[in-house]
Amino acid sequence: GGVAVQARVEAADEDGRRTVTVHSRPNDDADWTQHAEGVLATGAEPGTSLTAWPPSGAEPLPVDGHYDTLAGHGYRYGPAFQG
């Protein structure tokens, strides 16, 4: 069987930005499930310079147990990622 996929682009807001969403459903009687949401806009947003790391004003956070919690949800980040 097939799956219906719907990409919606909303009307532009006062800044010309448009919300985009992607949905799917397995059949005509099923509810739509939203999988993604984004914004279309012209021009580039101002970026952050990454020449200095960590950025000015950054505060370290404790990560004790964080990767164990993620692993419990199916996300496994090995030692190379954890640094």
PDB file of N, CA and C in Angstrom:
ATOM      1  N   GLY A   1       0.804  -1.185   0.000  1.00  0.00           N
ATOM      2  CA  GLY A   1       0.000   0.000   0.000  1.00  0.00           C
ATOM      3  C   GLY A   1       0.847   1.248   0.000  1.00  0.00           C
ATOM      4  N   GLY A   2       0.243   2.300  -0.416  1.00  0.00           N
ATOM      5  CA  GLY A   2       0.925   3.580  -0.480  1.00  0.00           C
ATOM      6  C   GLY A   2       0.701   4.428   0.748  1.00  0.00           C
ATOM      7  N   VAL A   3       1.383   5.526   0.778  1.00  0.00           N
ATOM      8  CA  VAL A   3       1.267   6.511   1.851  1.00  0.00           C
ATOM      9  C   VAL A   3       1.062   7.867   1.201  1.00  0.00           C
ATOM     10  N   ALA A   4       0.090   8.624   1.688  1.00  0.00           N
ATOM     11  CA  ALA A   4      -0.124   9.981   1.176  1.00  0.00           C
ATOM     12  C   ALA A   4       0.849  10.923   1.874  1.00  0.00           C
ATOM     13  N   VAL A   5       1.524  11.754   1.104  1.00  0.00           N
ATOM     14  CA  VAL A   5       2.462  12.741   1.641  1.00  0.00           C
ATOM     15  C   VAL A   5       1.986  14.114   1.209  1.00  0.00           C
ATOM     16  N   GLN A   6       2.004  15.048   2.136  1.00  0.00           N
ATOM     17  CA  GLN A   6       1.537  16.406   1.853  1.00  0.00           C
ATOM     18  C   GLN A   6       2.591  17.406   2.313  1.00  0.00           C
ATOM     19  N   ALA A   7       2.995  18.289   1.412  1.00  0.00           N
ATOM     20  CA  ALA A   7       3.870  19.412   1.761  1.00  0.00           C
ATOM     21  C   ALA A   7       3.028  20.672   1.658  1.00  0.00           C
ATOM     22  N   ARG A   8       2.953  21.429   2.750  1.00  0.00           N
ATOM     23  CA  ARG A   8       2.134  22.648   2.775  1.00  0.00           C
ATOM     24  C   ARG A   8       3.037  23.865   2.900  1.00  0.00           C
ATOM     25  N   VAL A   9       2.761  24.866   2.080  1.00  0.00           N
ATOM     26  CA  VAL A   9       3.456  26.148   2.156  1.00  0.00           C
ATOM     27  C   VAL A   9       2.397  27.198   2.445  1.00  0.00           C
ATOM     28  N   GLU A  10       2.508  27.832   3.599  1.00  0.00           N
ATOM     29  CA  GLU A  10       1.518  28.826   4.019  1.00  0.00           C
ATOM     30  C   GLU A  10       1.751  30.157   3.311  1.00  0.00           C
ATOM     31  N   ALA A  11       0.782  31.037   3.401  1.00  0.00           N
ATOM     32  CA  ALA A  11       0.905  32.385   2.837  1.00  0.00           C
ATOM     33  C   ALA A  11       2.028  33.131   3.555  1.00  0.00           C
ATOM     34  N   ALA A  12       2.629  34.064   2.859  1.00  0.00           N
ATOM     35  CA  ALA A  12       3.731  34.840   3.433  1.00  0.00           C
ATOM     36  C   ALA A  12       3.234  35.745   4.553  1.00  0.00           C
ATOM     37  N   ASP A  13       4.065  35.878   5.594  1.00  0.00           N
ATOM     38  CA  ASP A  13       3.728  36.814   6.668  1.00  0.00           C
ATOM     39  C   ASP A  13       4.184  38.212   6.266  1.00  0.00           C
ATOM     40  N   GLU A  14       4.113  39.171   7.197  1.00  0.00           N
ATOM     41  CA  GLU A  14       4.458  40.563   6.871  1.00  0.00           C
ATOM     42  C   GLU A  14       5.922  40.739   6.482  1.00  0.00           C
ATOM     43  N   ASP A  15       6.789  39.773   6.843  1.00  0.00           N
ATOM     44  CA  ASP A  15       8.206  39.838   6.477  1.00  0.00           C
ATOM     45  C   ASP A  15       8.527  39.003   5.238  1.00  0.00           C
ATOM     46  N   GLY A  16       7.503  38.403   4.629  1.00  0.00           N
ATOM     47  CA  GLY A  16       7.712  37.588   3.442  1.00  0.00           C
ATOM     48  C   GLY A  16       8.109  36.151   3.740  1.00  0.00           C
ATOM     49  N   ARG A  17       8.110  35.773   5.002  1.00  0.00           N
ATOM     50  CA  ARG A  17       8.475  34.408   5.395  1.00  0.00           C
ATOM     51  C   ARG A  17       7.256  33.491   5.285  1.00  0.00           C
ATOM     52  N   ARG A  18       7.490  32.256   4.869  1.00  0.00           N
ATOM     53  CA  ARG A  18       6.417  31.275   4.701  1.00  0.00           C
ATOM     54  C   ARG A  18       6.726  30.024   5.518  1.00  0.00           C
ATOM     55  N   THR A  19       5.752  29.566   6.288  1.00  0.00           N
ATOM     56  CA  THR A  19       5.902  28.321   7.033  1.00  0.00           C
ATOM     57  C   THR A  19       5.657  27.144   6.099  1.00  0.00           C
ATOM     58  N   VAL A  20       6.513  26.132   6.192  1.00  0.00           N
ATOM     59  CA  VAL A  20       6.404  24.921   5.385  1.00  0.00           C
ATOM     60  C   VAL A  20       6.277  23.732   6.337  1.00  0.00           C
ATOM     61  N   THR A  21       5.323  22.837   6.068  1.00  0.00           N
ATOM     62  CA  THR A  21       5.178  21.624   6.866  1.00  0.00           C
ATOM     63  C   THR A  21       5.069  20.417   5.943  1.00  0.00           C
ATOM     64  N   VAL A  22       5.509  19.266   6.437  1.00  0.00           N
ATOM     65  CA  VAL A  22       5.413  18.008   5.698  1.00  0.00           C
ATOM     66  C   VAL A  22       4.647  17.020   6.568  1.00  0.00           C
ATOM     67  N   HIS A  23       3.587  16.422   5.993  1.00  0.00           N
ATOM     68  CA  HIS A  23       2.718  15.485   6.706  1.00  0.00           C
ATOM     69  C   HIS A  23       2.577  14.202   5.892  1.00  0.00           C
ATOM     70  N   SER A  24       2.149  13.138   6.569  1.00  0.00           N
ATOM     71  CA  SER A  24       1.801  11.902   5.860  1.00  0.00           C
ATOM     72  C   SER A  24       0.666  11.210   6.592  1.00  0.00           C
ATOM     73  N   ARG A  25       0.008  10.295   5.874  1.00  0.00           N
ATOM     74  CA  ARG A  25      -0.993   9.418   6.480  1.00  0.00           C
ATOM     75  C   ARG A  25      -1.061   8.144   5.648  1.00  0.00           C
ATOM     76  N   PRO A  26      -1.304   7.006   6.313  1.00  0.00           N
ATOM     77  CA  PRO A  26      -1.278   5.728   5.595  1.00  0.00           C
ATOM     78  C   PRO A  26      -2.508   5.473   4.730  1.00  0.00           C
ATOM     79  N   ASN A  27      -3.632   6.130   5.044  1.00  0.00           N
ATOM     80  CA  ASN A  27      -4.843   5.954   4.236  1.00  0.00           C
ATOM     81  C   ASN A  27      -5.756   7.159   4.435  1.00  0.00           C
ATOM     82  N   ASP A  28      -6.811   7.230   3.636  1.00  0.00           N
ATOM     83  CA  ASP A  28      -7.698   8.395   3.663  1.00  0.00           C
ATOM     84  C   ASP A  28      -8.434   8.575   4.980  1.00  0.00           C
ATOM     85  N   ASP A  29      -8.606   7.504   5.753  1.00  0.00           N
ATOM     86  CA  ASP A  29      -9.334   7.589   7.019  1.00  0.00           C
ATOM     87  C   ASP A  29      -8.439   7.953   8.202  1.00  0.00           C
ATOM     88  N   ALA A  30      -7.132   7.918   8.017  1.00  0.00           N
ATOM     89  CA  ALA A  30      -6.189   8.171   9.115  1.00  0.00           C
ATOM     90  C   ALA A  30      -5.931   9.663   9.287  1.00  0.00           C
ATOM     91  N   ASP A  31      -5.541  10.041  10.492  1.00  0.00           N
ATOM     92  CA  ASP A  31      -5.147  11.426  10.752  1.00  0.00           C
ATOM     93  C   ASP A  31      -3.786  11.694  10.120  1.00  0.00           C
ATOM     94  N   TRP A  32      -3.550  12.950   9.772  1.00  0.00           N
ATOM     95  CA  TRP A  32      -2.255  13.355   9.244  1.00  0.00           C
ATOM     96  C   TRP A  32      -1.247  13.417  10.387  1.00  0.00           C
ATOM     97  N   THR A  33      -0.013  12.993  10.116  1.00  0.00           N
ATOM     98  CA  THR A  33       1.094  13.086  11.066  1.00  0.00           C
ATOM     99  C   THR A  33       2.090  14.094  10.524  1.00  0.00           C
ATOM    100  N   GLN A  34       2.422  15.103  11.330  1.00  0.00           N
ATOM    101  CA  GLN A  34       3.408  16.096  10.902  1.00  0.00           C
ATOM    102  C   GLN A  34       4.805  15.561  11.182  1.00  0.00           C
ATOM    103  N   HIS A  35       5.676  15.627  10.160  1.00  0.00           N
ATOM    104  CA  HIS A  35       7.039  15.123  10.280  1.00  0.00           C
ATOM    105  C   HIS A  35       8.079  16.234  10.322  1.00  0.00           C
ATOM    106  N   ALA A  36       7.781  17.372   9.729  1.00  0.00           N
ATOM    107  CA  ALA A  36       8.776  18.439   9.663  1.00  0.00           C
ATOM    108  C   ALA A  36       8.087  19.785   9.552  1.00  0.00           C
ATOM    109  N   GLU A  37       8.780  20.817  10.018  1.00  0.00           N
ATOM    110  CA  GLU A  37       8.303  22.192   9.897  1.00  0.00           C
ATOM    111  C   GLU A  37       9.516  23.086   9.683  1.00  0.00           C
ATOM    112  N   GLY A  38       9.367  24.055   8.809  1.00  0.00           N
ATOM    113  CA  GLY A  38      10.457  24.977   8.537  1.00  0.00           C
ATOM    114  C   GLY A  38       9.920  26.302   8.049  1.00  0.00           C
ATOM    115  N   VAL A  39      10.835  27.189   7.696  1.00  0.00           N
ATOM    116  CA  VAL A  39      10.471  28.523   7.229  1.00  0.00           C
ATOM    117  C   VAL A  39      11.243  28.817   5.953  1.00  0.00           C
ATOM    118  N   LEU A  40      10.531  29.305   4.949  1.00  0.00           N
ATOM    119  CA  LEU A  40      11.157  29.791   3.719  1.00  0.00           C
ATOM    120  C   LEU A  40      11.267  31.302   3.817  1.00  0.00           C
ATOM    121  N   ALA A  41      12.438  31.825   3.490  1.00  0.00           N
ATOM    122  CA  ALA A  41      12.640  33.267   3.532  1.00  0.00           C
ATOM    123  C   ALA A  41      13.709  33.645   2.518  1.00  0.00           C
ATOM    124  N   THR A  42      13.696  34.886   2.107  1.00  0.00           N
ATOM    125  CA  THR A  42      14.726  35.363   1.197  1.00  0.00           C
ATOM    126  C   THR A  42      15.912  35.858   2.005  1.00  0.00           C
ATOM    127  N   GLY A  43      17.085  35.790   1.410  1.00  0.00           N
ATOM    128  CA  GLY A  43      18.285  36.274   2.085  1.00  0.00           C
ATOM    129  C   GLY A  43      18.764  35.311   3.147  1.00  0.00           C
ATOM    130  N   ALA A  44      19.942  35.557   3.613  1.00  0.00           N
ATOM    131  CA  ALA A  44      20.541  34.710   4.645  1.00  0.00           C
ATOM    132  C   ALA A  44      20.383  35.354   6.010  1.00  0.00           C
ATOM    133  N   GLU A  45      20.149  34.508   7.016  1.00  0.00           N
ATOM    134  CA  GLU A  45      20.101  35.028   8.371  1.00  0.00           C
ATOM    135  C   GLU A  45      21.527  35.301   8.835  1.00  0.00           C
ATOM    136  N   PRO A  46      21.685  36.280   9.717  1.00  0.00           N
ATOM    137  CA  PRO A  46      23.035  36.552  10.212  1.00  0.00           C
ATOM    138  C   PRO A  46      23.609  35.312  10.884  1.00  0.00           C
ATOM    139  N   GLY A  47      24.828  34.979  10.547  1.00  0.00           N
ATOM    140  CA  GLY A  47      25.466  33.801  11.113  1.00  0.00           C
ATOM    141  C   GLY A  47      26.268  34.138  12.356  1.00  0.00           C
ATOM    142  N   THR A  48      26.728  33.108  12.996  1.00  0.00           N
ATOM    143  CA  THR A  48      27.584  33.258  14.161  1.00  0.00           C
ATOM    144  C   THR A  48      28.989  32.884  13.756  1.00  0.00           C
ATOM    145  N   SER A  49      29.937  33.732  14.070  1.00  0.00           N
ATOM    146  CA  SER A  49      31.327  33.433  13.767  1.00  0.00           C
ATOM    147  C   SER A  49      31.812  32.335  14.697  1.00  0.00           C
ATOM    148  N   LEU A  50      32.378  31.295  14.129  1.00  0.00           N
ATOM    149  CA  LEU A  50      32.885  30.194  14.937  1.00  0.00           C
ATOM    150  C   LEU A  50      34.410  30.196  14.991  1.00  0.00           C
ATOM    151  N   THR A  51      35.016  31.375  14.782  1.00  0.00           N
ATOM    152  CA  THR A  51      36.472  31.451  14.843  1.00  0.00           C
ATOM    153  C   THR A  51      36.982  31.286  16.264  1.00  0.00           C
ATOM    154  N   ALA A  52      36.171  31.633  17.252  1.00  0.00           N
ATOM    155  CA  ALA A  52      36.542  31.446  18.654  1.00  0.00           C
ATOM    156  C   ALA A  52      35.569  30.449  19.274  1.00  0.00           C
ATOM    157  N   TRP A  53      36.128  29.405  19.893  1.00  0.00           N
ATOM    158  CA  TRP A  53      35.269  28.406  20.522  1.00  0.00           C
ATOM    159  C   TRP A  53      35.772  28.104  21.910  1.00  0.00           C
ATOM    160  N   PRO A  54      34.960  28.115  22.912  1.00  0.00           N
ATOM    161  CA  PRO A  54      33.521  28.357  22.887  1.00  0.00           C
ATOM    162  C   PRO A  54      33.220  29.832  22.668  1.00  0.00           C
ATOM    163  N   PRO A  55      32.022  30.146  22.222  1.00  0.00           N
ATOM    164  CA  PRO A  55      31.657  31.541  21.984  1.00  0.00           C
ATOM    165  C   PRO A  55      31.703  32.356  23.272  1.00  0.00           C
ATOM    166  N   SER A  56      31.878  33.632  23.127  1.00  0.00           N
ATOM    167  CA  SER A  56      31.889  34.543  24.268  1.00  0.00           C
ATOM    168  C   SER A  56      30.583  34.412  25.041  1.00  0.00           C
ATOM    169  N   GLY A  57      30.673  34.305  26.354  1.00  0.00           N
ATOM    170  CA  GLY A  57      29.484  34.214  27.189  1.00  0.00           C
ATOM    171  C   GLY A  57      28.959  32.803  27.380  1.00  0.00           C
ATOM    172  N   ALA A  58      29.598  31.816  26.738  1.00  0.00           N
ATOM    173  CA  ALA A  58      29.144  30.432  26.896  1.00  0.00           C
ATOM    174  C   ALA A  58      29.432  29.950  28.313  1.00  0.00           C
ATOM    175  N   GLU A  59      28.528  29.136  28.831  1.00  0.00           N
ATOM    176  CA  GLU A  59      28.702  28.571  30.169  1.00  0.00           C
ATOM    177  C   GLU A  59      28.698  27.051  30.065  1.00  0.00           C
ATOM    178  N   PRO A  60      29.671  26.394  30.700  1.00  0.00           N
ATOM    179  CA  PRO A  60      29.683  24.929  30.651  1.00  0.00           C
ATOM    180  C   PRO A  60      28.507  24.340  31.424  1.00  0.00           C
ATOM    181  N   LEU A  61      27.984  23.248  30.929  1.00  0.00           N
ATOM    182  CA  LEU A  61      26.888  22.539  31.591  1.00  0.00           C
ATOM    183  C   LEU A  61      27.354  21.135  31.950  1.00  0.00           C
ATOM    184  N   PRO A  62      26.929  20.620  33.094  1.00  0.00           N
ATOM    185  CA  PRO A  62      27.305  19.247  33.433  1.00  0.00           C
ATOM    186  C   PRO A  62      26.592  18.260  32.510  1.00  0.00           C
ATOM    187  N   VAL A  63      27.318  17.260  32.049  1.00  0.00           N
ATOM    188  CA  VAL A  63      26.716  16.264  31.163  1.00  0.00           C
ATOM    189  C   VAL A  63      26.668  14.887  31.821  1.00  0.00           C
ATOM    190  N   ASP A  64      26.932  14.825  33.119  1.00  0.00           N
ATOM    191  CA  ASP A  64      26.875  13.554  33.837  1.00  0.00           C
ATOM    192  C   ASP A  64      25.516  12.897  33.605  1.00  0.00           C
ATOM    193  N   GLY A  65      25.528  11.710  33.076  1.00  0.00           N
ATOM    194  CA  GLY A  65      24.295  10.971  32.852  1.00  0.00           C
ATOM    195  C   GLY A  65      23.546  11.344  31.588  1.00  0.00           C
ATOM    196  N   HIS A  66      23.948  12.438  30.931  1.00  0.00           N
ATOM    197  CA  HIS A  66      23.228  12.899  29.741  1.00  0.00           C
ATOM    198  C   HIS A  66      23.275  11.855  28.624  1.00  0.00           C
ATOM    199  N   TYR A  67      24.466  11.321  28.352  1.00  0.00           N
ATOM    200  CA  TYR A  67      24.584  10.353  27.266  1.00  0.00           C
ATOM    201  C   TYR A  67      23.891   9.039  27.607  1.00  0.00           C
ATOM    202  N   ASP A  68      23.829   8.685  28.905  1.00  0.00           N
ATOM    203  CA  ASP A  68      23.066   7.502  29.311  1.00  0.00           C
ATOM    204  C   ASP A  68      21.573   7.713  29.055  1.00  0.00           C
ATOM    205  N   THR A  69      21.090   8.918  29.342  1.00  0.00           N
ATOM    206  CA  THR A  69      19.683   9.241  29.086  1.00  0.00           C
ATOM    207  C   THR A  69      19.380   9.152  27.593  1.00  0.00           C
ATOM    208  N   LEU A  70      20.267   9.717  26.774  1.00  0.00           N
ATOM    209  CA  LEU A  70      20.077   9.640  25.322  1.00  0.00           C
ATOM    210  C   LEU A  70      20.086   8.193  24.845  1.00  0.00           C
ATOM    211  N   ALA A  71      21.000   7.379  25.383  1.00  0.00           N
ATOM    212  CA  ALA A  71      21.069   5.968  24.990  1.00  0.00           C
ATOM    213  C   ALA A  71      19.769   5.253  25.338  1.00  0.00           C
ATOM    214  N   GLY A  72      19.146   5.640  26.441  1.00  0.00           N
ATOM    215  CA  GLY A  72      17.866   5.059  26.822  1.00  0.00           C
ATOM    216  C   GLY A  72      16.762   5.367  25.831  1.00  0.00           C
ATOM    217  N   HIS A  73      16.967   6.414  25.028  1.00  0.00           N
ATOM    218  CA  HIS A  73      15.995   6.790  23.994  1.00  0.00           C
ATOM    219  C   HIS A  73      16.436   6.317  22.610  1.00  0.00           C
ATOM    220  N   GLY A  74      17.505   5.511  22.565  1.00  0.00           N
ATOM    221  CA  GLY A  74      17.956   4.961  21.293  1.00  0.00           C
ATOM    222  C   GLY A  74      19.048   5.749  20.602  1.00  0.00           C
ATOM    223  N   TYR A  75      19.552   6.819  21.219  1.00  0.00           N
ATOM    224  CA  TYR A  75      20.630   7.617  20.631  1.00  0.00           C
ATOM    225  C   TYR A  75      21.936   7.215  21.296  1.00  0.00           C
ATOM    226  N   ARG A  76      22.850   6.668  20.527  1.00  0.00           N
ATOM    227  CA  ARG A  76      24.111   6.206  21.095  1.00  0.00           C
ATOM    228  C   ARG A  76      25.270   6.989  20.493  1.00  0.00           C
ATOM    229  N   TYR A  77      25.873   7.826  21.316  1.00  0.00           N
ATOM    230  CA  TYR A  77      27.013   8.636  20.908  1.00  0.00           C
ATOM    231  C   TYR A  77      28.262   8.065  21.563  1.00  0.00           C
ATOM    232  N   GLY A  78      29.196   7.629  20.755  1.00  0.00           N
ATOM    233  CA  GLY A  78      30.409   7.005  21.268  1.00  0.00           C
ATOM    234  C   GLY A  78      31.411   8.009  21.806  1.00  0.00           C
ATOM    235  N   PRO A  79      32.557   7.500  22.286  1.00  0.00           N
ATOM    236  CA  PRO A  79      33.578   8.350  22.897  1.00  0.00           C
ATOM    237  C   PRO A  79      34.108   9.437  21.959  1.00  0.00           C
ATOM    238  N   ALA A  80      34.211   9.143  20.659  1.00  0.00           N
ATOM    239  CA  ALA A  80      34.721  10.150  19.724  1.00  0.00           C
ATOM    240  C   ALA A  80      33.799  11.361  19.672  1.00  0.00           C
ATOM    241  N   PHE A  81      32.500  11.131  19.744  1.00  0.00           N
ATOM    242  CA  PHE A  81      31.548  12.242  19.718  1.00  0.00           C
ATOM    243  C   PHE A  81      31.547  12.984  21.044  1.00  0.00           C
ATOM    244  N   GLN A  82      31.636  12.256  22.144  1.00  0.00           N
ATOM    245  CA  GLN A  82      31.545  12.861  23.467  1.00  0.00           C
ATOM    246  C   GLN A  82      32.768  13.703  23.813  1.00  0.00           C
ATOM    247  N   GLY A  83      33.874  13.513  23.085  1.00  0.00           N
ATOM    248  CA  GLY A  83      35.068  14.326  23.283  1.00  0.00           C
ATOM    249  C   GLY A  83      35.735  14.046  24.573  1.00  0.00           C
TER     250      GLY A  83
END
